[in-house]
Amino acid sequence: MGIFFILINIGIGVAAIKQFTILAINIPAETKKINLEQASLQELITLPGIGYTLAKRIIIWRDKNPAPYQTSDLLAIKGIGPTKLQGIIKHLDFSYKTQTKTQTKYKKD
């Protein structure tokens, strides 16, 4: 995400002292989708509504269920329901990219 600053000129009266206010606006630099098959824990945490624990569950699920994936497959993960799935689906890439993948070991909650 890029942060852009906008300078606003606020003036009062004819001979007024002008004040400048800086507003920080968070504008996405680009819309990059995260590949579900290859995403790291840190990448998954950047998804809306996905914290450390849920990202860990996604990786554990992914390691047990080989790609290719469909969007509805994520509903099998505890903590992902239809509403959360709708919030993250536009940020995910479900394309099958590799023939082998490295499994990441995490303790189950």
C-alpha atoms as a PDB file:
ATOM      1  CA  MET A   1       0.000   0.000   0.000  1.00  0.00           C
ATOM      2  CA  GLY A   2       1.195   3.460  -0.721  1.00  0.00           C
ATOM      3  CA  ILE A   3       0.547   6.436   1.487  1.00  0.00           C
ATOM      4  CA  PHE A   4      -0.043   9.676  -0.311  1.00  0.00           C
ATOM      5  CA  PHE A   5      -0.155  13.028   1.382  1.00  0.00           C
ATOM      6  CA  ILE A   6      -2.550  15.776   0.381  1.00  0.00           C
ATOM      7  CA  LEU A   7      -1.835  19.334   1.390  1.00  0.00           C
ATOM      8  CA  ILE A   8      -4.963  21.364   2.149  1.00  0.00           C
ATOM      9  CA  ASN A   9      -4.833  25.125   2.306  1.00  0.00           C
ATOM     10  CA  ILE A  10      -7.150  26.612   4.929  1.00  0.00           C
ATOM     11  CA  GLY A  11      -7.457  30.387   4.889  1.00  0.00           C
ATOM     12  CA  ILE A  12      -9.533  32.704   7.080  1.00  0.00           C
ATOM     13  CA  GLY A  13     -10.270  36.239   5.900  1.00  0.00           C
ATOM     14  CA  VAL A  14      -8.328  38.454   3.470  1.00  0.00           C
ATOM     15  CA  ALA A  15      -5.145  38.927   5.469  1.00  0.00           C
ATOM     16  CA  ALA A  16      -5.429  35.614   7.246  1.00  0.00           C
ATOM     17  CA  ILE A  17      -2.604  33.348   8.176  1.00  0.00           C
ATOM     18  CA  LYS A  18      -2.879  30.272   6.058  1.00  0.00           C
ATOM     19  CA  GLN A  19      -2.678  26.950   7.777  1.00  0.00           C
ATOM     20  CA  PHE A  20      -1.811  23.802   5.976  1.00  0.00           C
ATOM     21  CA  THR A  21      -3.162  20.464   7.023  1.00  0.00           C
ATOM     22  CA  ILE A  22      -1.660  17.224   5.810  1.00  0.00           C
ATOM     23  CA  LEU A  23      -3.979  14.287   5.349  1.00  0.00           C
ATOM     24  CA  ALA A  24      -2.584  10.795   4.954  1.00  0.00           C
ATOM     25  CA  ILE A  25      -4.612   8.657   2.606  1.00  0.00           C
ATOM     26  CA  ASN A  26      -3.915   4.957   2.262  1.00  0.00           C
ATOM     27  CA  ILE A  27      -4.213   4.081  -1.427  1.00  0.00           C
ATOM     28  CA  PRO A  28      -3.304   0.595  -2.627  1.00  0.00           C
ATOM     29  CA  ALA A  29      -0.232   0.817  -4.835  1.00  0.00           C
ATOM     30  CA  GLU A  30      -1.393  -2.246  -6.729  1.00  0.00           C
ATOM     31  CA  THR A  31      -3.941  -4.962  -6.281  1.00  0.00           C
ATOM     32  CA  LYS A  32      -1.783  -8.045  -5.891  1.00  0.00           C
ATOM     33  CA  LYS A  33      -3.507 -11.349  -5.308  1.00  0.00           C
ATOM     34  CA  ILE A  34      -1.962 -13.864  -2.943  1.00  0.00           C
ATOM     35  CA  ASN A  35      -1.550 -17.364  -4.345  1.00  0.00           C
ATOM     36  CA  LEU A  36      -3.195 -19.719  -1.858  1.00  0.00           C
ATOM     37  CA  GLU A  37      -0.870 -22.576  -2.760  1.00  0.00           C
ATOM     38  CA  GLN A  38       2.341 -20.597  -2.135  1.00  0.00           C
ATOM     39  CA  ALA A  39       1.374 -17.950   0.434  1.00  0.00           C
ATOM     40  CA  SER A  40       3.512 -17.584   3.532  1.00  0.00           C
ATOM     41  CA  LEU A  41       2.125 -17.042   7.013  1.00  0.00           C
ATOM     42  CA  GLN A  42       3.020 -13.341   6.751  1.00  0.00           C
ATOM     43  CA  GLU A  43       1.198 -12.986   3.422  1.00  0.00           C
ATOM     44  CA  LEU A  44      -1.933 -14.702   4.724  1.00  0.00           C
ATOM     45  CA  ILE A  45      -2.018 -12.392   7.750  1.00  0.00           C
ATOM     46  CA  THR A  46      -2.355  -9.420   5.381  1.00  0.00           C
ATOM     47  CA  LEU A  47      -5.764 -10.678   4.240  1.00  0.00           C
ATOM     48  CA  PRO A  48      -8.752  -8.885   5.801  1.00  0.00           C
ATOM     49  CA  GLY A  49      -9.982 -10.697   8.909  1.00  0.00           C
ATOM     50  CA  ILE A  50      -7.116 -13.212   8.924  1.00  0.00           C
ATOM     51  CA  GLY A  51      -4.882 -13.165  11.963  1.00  0.00           C
ATOM     52  CA  TYR A  52      -1.986 -15.357  13.043  1.00  0.00           C
ATOM     53  CA  THR A  53      -4.115 -18.281  14.281  1.00  0.00           C
ATOM     54  CA  LEU A  54      -6.345 -18.444  11.217  1.00  0.00           C
ATOM     55  CA  ALA A  55      -3.369 -18.063   8.859  1.00  0.00           C
ATOM     56  CA  LYS A  56      -1.742 -20.994  10.663  1.00  0.00           C
ATOM     57  CA  ARG A  57      -4.929 -23.060  10.214  1.00  0.00           C
ATOM     58  CA  ILE A  58      -4.955 -22.250   6.495  1.00  0.00           C
ATOM     59  CA  ILE A  59      -1.369 -23.489   6.133  1.00  0.00           C
ATOM     60  CA  ILE A  60      -2.087 -26.677   8.106  1.00  0.00           C
ATOM     61  CA  TRP A  61      -5.175 -27.304   5.946  1.00  0.00           C
ATOM     62  CA  ARG A  62      -3.227 -26.542   2.772  1.00  0.00           C
ATOM     63  CA  ASP A  63      -0.463 -28.994   3.736  1.00  0.00           C
ATOM     64  CA  LYS A  64      -3.041 -31.752   4.263  1.00  0.00           C
ATOM     65  CA  ASN A  65      -5.017 -30.973   1.092  1.00  0.00           C
ATOM     66  CA  PRO A  66      -3.005 -30.777  -2.119  1.00  0.00           C
ATOM     67  CA  ALA A  67      -3.806 -28.176  -4.782  1.00  0.00           C
ATOM     68  CA  PRO A  68      -5.656 -27.301  -6.955  1.00  0.00           C
ATOM     69  CA  TYR A  69      -8.104 -25.513  -4.698  1.00  0.00           C
ATOM     70  CA  GLN A  70     -11.578 -24.110  -5.188  1.00  0.00           C
ATOM     71  CA  THR A  71     -12.963 -21.148  -3.287  1.00  0.00           C
ATOM     72  CA  SER A  72     -15.489 -23.268  -1.389  1.00  0.00           C
ATOM     73  CA  ASP A  73     -12.672 -25.524  -0.087  1.00  0.00           C
ATOM     74  CA  LEU A  74     -11.724 -22.820   2.420  1.00  0.00           C
ATOM     75  CA  LEU A  75     -15.051 -23.287   4.210  1.00  0.00           C
ATOM     76  CA  ALA A  76     -13.589 -26.498   5.695  1.00  0.00           C
ATOM     77  CA  ILE A  77     -11.216 -24.382   7.815  1.00  0.00           C
ATOM     78  CA  LYS A  78     -12.440 -23.536  11.321  1.00  0.00           C
ATOM     79  CA  GLY A  79     -12.954 -19.769  11.467  1.00  0.00           C
ATOM     80  CA  ILE A  80     -13.789 -19.264   7.789  1.00  0.00           C
ATOM     81  CA  GLY A  81     -17.476 -18.961   7.044  1.00  0.00           C
ATOM     82  CA  PRO A  82     -19.327 -17.581   4.039  1.00  0.00           C
ATOM     83  CA  THR A  83     -18.949 -13.947   5.157  1.00  0.00           C
ATOM     84  CA  LYS A  84     -15.206 -14.140   5.814  1.00  0.00           C
ATOM     85  CA  LEU A  85     -14.732 -16.067   2.566  1.00  0.00           C
ATOM     86  CA  GLN A  86     -16.465 -13.279   0.627  1.00  0.00           C
ATOM     87  CA  GLY A  87     -14.110 -10.754   2.250  1.00  0.00           C
ATOM     88  CA  ILE A  88     -10.899 -12.539   1.287  1.00  0.00           C
ATOM     89  CA  ILE A  89     -11.792 -14.180  -2.021  1.00  0.00           C
ATOM     90  CA  LYS A  90     -10.972 -11.120  -4.130  1.00  0.00           C
ATOM     91  CA  HIS A  91      -7.465 -11.094  -2.627  1.00  0.00           C
ATOM     92  CA  LEU A  92      -6.681 -14.731  -3.418  1.00  0.00           C
ATOM     93  CA  ASP A  93      -5.288 -16.411  -6.512  1.00  0.00           C
ATOM     94  CA  PHE A  94      -6.392 -20.033  -6.827  1.00  0.00           C
ATOM     95  CA  SER A  95      -4.229 -20.918  -9.837  1.00  0.00           C
ATOM     96  CA  TYR A  96      -2.111 -24.054  -9.551  1.00  0.00           C
ATOM     97  CA  LYS A  97       1.514 -22.946  -9.941  1.00  0.00           C
ATOM     98  CA  THR A  98       3.892 -25.643  -8.689  1.00  0.00           C
ATOM     99  CA  GLN A  99       4.169 -29.388  -8.958  1.00  0.00           C
ATOM    100  CA  THR A 100       5.695 -29.790  -5.495  1.00  0.00           C
ATOM    101  CA  LYS A 101       5.383 -27.628  -2.460  1.00  0.00           C
ATOM    102  CA  THR A 102       7.267 -27.329   0.776  1.00  0.00           C
ATOM    103  CA  GLN A 103       5.209 -28.251   3.766  1.00  0.00           C
ATOM    104  CA  THR A 104       5.357 -25.982   6.777  1.00  0.00           C
ATOM    105  CA  LYS A 105       4.974 -27.709  10.120  1.00  0.00           C
ATOM    106  CA  TYR A 106       2.787 -26.051  12.747  1.00  0.00           C
ATOM    107  CA  LYS A 107       1.288 -27.453  15.870  1.00  0.00           C
ATOM    108  CA  LYS A 108      -2.464 -27.834  15.632  1.00  0.00           C
ATOM    109  CA  ASP A 109      -4.485 -25.541  17.938  1.00  0.00           C
END
